[in-house]
Amino acid sequence: IGVAVAVEDGLITPVIRAANTKSVGQISREVRELAERARARKLKPEEYTGATFSISNLGMFGIDEFTAVINPPEAAILAVGAMQPKPVVRDGEVVVRQLMRVTMSCDHRVIDGATGAKFLQTLKKILENPLYLLA
């Protein structure tokens, strides 16, 4: 999994290898460490090549929603926007909730739209109910 990191003169995407075998805590620590090393320009080439899927987060800049461009030869990229308070209807009442917009760009030679939609449905379910990660 590639994680886009802004650096002084552009962008670099360090890679979390074998993410499916790591805990959320392990991934979080690794992302922080790789991002720090990326900003210090201390990454080795093998640490920023080989991703098949990337995540780009512009939420820290107050961007609600954006479309990220796939980094070839990757299959997809997830674009994560800022958490924002928004009015929503719950049980017939308008209430304010924190919402976050997420979009995904896919190379349709690898991932068709239905598969991408199922991925986003699962991601939404997990983000709304993080305890699913413990199951």
Protein backbone atom coordinates (compact mmCIF):
# COMPACT_ATOMS: atom_id res chain seq x y z
CA ILE A 1 0.00 0.00 0.00
CA GLY A 2 1.48 3.34 -1.04
CA VAL A 3 0.92 6.35 1.21
CA ALA A 4 1.35 9.71 -0.53
CA VAL A 5 3.57 12.13 1.43
CA ALA A 6 4.03 15.80 0.53
CA VAL A 7 7.67 16.88 0.42
CA GLU A 8 9.18 20.29 -0.34
CA ASP A 9 9.36 19.83 -4.09
CA GLY A 10 6.48 17.45 -4.74
CA LEU A 11 5.19 14.10 -3.63
CA ILE A 12 6.66 10.72 -2.75
CA THR A 13 4.76 7.54 -1.98
CA PRO A 14 6.42 5.26 0.59
CA VAL A 15 5.12 1.68 0.55
CA ILE A 16 3.72 -0.35 3.45
CA ARG A 17 4.62 -3.91 2.50
CA ALA A 18 2.48 -6.91 3.52
CA ALA A 19 -0.08 -4.56 5.11
CA ASN A 20 -2.56 -7.43 5.31
CA THR A 21 -0.33 -9.14 7.89
CA LYS A 22 0.02 -6.09 10.17
CA SER A 23 -2.16 -4.59 12.88
CA VAL A 24 -3.60 -1.09 12.55
CA GLY A 25 -1.10 0.05 15.20
CA GLN A 26 1.84 -1.42 13.30
CA ILE A 27 0.70 0.21 10.06
CA SER A 28 0.20 3.55 11.80
CA ARG A 29 3.72 3.48 13.26
CA GLU A 30 5.22 2.44 9.93
CA VAL A 31 3.39 5.23 8.06
CA ARG A 32 4.68 7.83 10.55
CA GLU A 33 8.25 6.51 10.34
CA LEU A 34 8.25 6.35 6.53
CA ALA A 35 6.69 9.82 6.24
CA GLU A 36 9.37 11.31 8.52
CA ARG A 37 12.12 9.63 6.52
CA ALA A 38 10.49 10.73 3.24
CA ARG A 39 10.47 14.38 4.37
CA ALA A 40 14.12 14.01 5.44
CA ARG A 41 14.90 12.46 2.01
CA LYS A 42 16.24 9.28 3.61
CA LEU A 43 14.10 6.65 1.86
CA LYS A 44 15.73 3.87 -0.11
CA PRO A 45 14.28 3.19 -3.60
CA GLU A 46 12.78 -0.11 -2.44
CA GLU A 47 10.81 1.85 0.19
CA TYR A 48 8.90 3.92 -2.38
CA THR A 49 8.43 1.48 -5.26
CA GLY A 50 6.23 -1.56 -5.79
CA ALA A 51 2.85 -0.38 -4.50
CA THR A 52 -0.29 -1.75 -6.16
CA PHE A 53 -2.72 0.60 -4.37
CA SER A 54 -2.15 4.06 -2.85
CA ILE A 55 -3.85 6.38 -0.40
CA SER A 56 -3.75 10.17 -0.75
CA ASN A 57 -5.07 12.34 2.09
CA LEU A 58 -5.59 16.07 1.58
CA GLY A 59 -7.84 16.41 4.63
CA MET A 60 -5.15 18.19 6.63
CA PHE A 61 -5.37 21.01 4.06
CA GLY A 62 -9.14 21.36 4.57
CA ILE A 63 -9.94 19.76 1.21
CA ASP A 64 -13.36 18.07 1.37
CA GLU A 65 -13.13 16.01 -1.80
CA PHE A 66 -10.76 15.46 -4.70
CA THR A 67 -9.98 12.98 -7.43
CA ALA A 68 -6.55 11.38 -7.20
CA VAL A 69 -4.65 10.22 -10.27
CA ILE A 70 -3.45 6.61 -10.36
CA ASN A 71 0.32 6.18 -10.15
CA PRO A 72 1.22 3.63 -12.87
CA PRO A 73 1.61 0.67 -12.60
CA GLU A 74 -0.74 0.72 -9.59
CA ALA A 75 -4.32 -0.54 -9.87
CA ALA A 76 -6.08 2.13 -7.79
CA ILE A 77 -5.76 5.13 -5.49
CA LEU A 78 -8.00 6.21 -2.62
CA ALA A 79 -8.51 9.97 -2.13
CA VAL A 80 -9.38 10.95 1.46
CA GLY A 81 -10.84 14.35 2.29
CA ALA A 82 -11.25 16.29 5.54
CA MET A 83 -13.67 15.42 8.32
CA GLN A 84 -16.33 18.13 8.35
CA PRO A 85 -19.44 18.70 10.46
CA LYS A 86 -22.47 18.27 8.18
CA PRO A 87 -26.24 18.13 8.74
CA VAL A 88 -27.70 14.64 8.26
CA VAL A 89 -31.10 13.08 8.93
CA ARG A 90 -31.20 10.44 11.70
CA ASP A 91 -34.52 8.98 12.83
CA GLY A 92 -36.40 11.79 11.08
CA GLU A 93 -34.35 14.52 12.81
CA VAL A 94 -31.65 16.76 11.38
CA VAL A 95 -28.45 16.38 13.40
CA VAL A 96 -24.84 17.39 12.86
CA ARG A 97 -22.33 14.57 12.30
CA GLN A 98 -18.70 14.40 11.28
CA LEU A 99 -18.52 13.25 7.65
CA MET A 100 -15.57 12.45 5.42
CA ARG A 101 -15.62 12.06 1.65
CA VAL A 102 -13.59 9.30 0.06
CA THR A 103 -13.25 8.66 -3.67
CA MET A 104 -11.36 5.96 -5.52
CA SER A 105 -9.84 5.98 -8.98
CA CYS A 106 -9.34 2.54 -10.56
CA ASP A 107 -7.57 1.21 -13.60
CA HIS A 108 -10.51 -0.61 -15.20
CA ARG A 109 -8.14 -3.06 -16.85
CA VAL A 110 -7.54 -4.40 -13.33
CA ILE A 111 -10.55 -3.40 -11.19
CA ASP A 112 -14.06 -3.03 -12.59
CA GLY A 113 -16.54 -0.53 -11.17
CA ALA A 114 -18.57 -3.10 -9.22
CA THR A 115 -15.46 -4.42 -7.45
CA GLY A 116 -14.42 -0.87 -6.60
CA ALA A 117 -17.91 -0.09 -5.27
CA LYS A 118 -17.84 -3.19 -3.05
CA PHE A 119 -14.47 -2.12 -1.68
CA LEU A 120 -15.85 1.34 -0.85
CA GLN A 121 -18.93 -0.21 0.80
CA THR A 122 -16.69 -2.33 3.01
CA LEU A 123 -14.46 0.65 3.83
CA LYS A 124 -17.54 2.71 4.79
CA LYS A 125 -18.78 -0.09 7.04
CA ILE A 126 -15.41 -0.32 8.81
CA LEU A 127 -15.00 3.45 9.21
CA GLU A 128 -18.50 3.76 10.66
CA ASN A 129 -17.97 0.73 12.95
CA PRO A 130 -14.23 0.40 13.75
CA LEU A 131 -14.87 -2.57 16.05
CA TYR A 132 -15.21 -4.67 12.88
CA LEU A 133 -11.41 -4.51 12.73
CA LEU A 134 -11.26 -6.52 15.95
CA ALA A 135 -13.47 -9.34 14.65
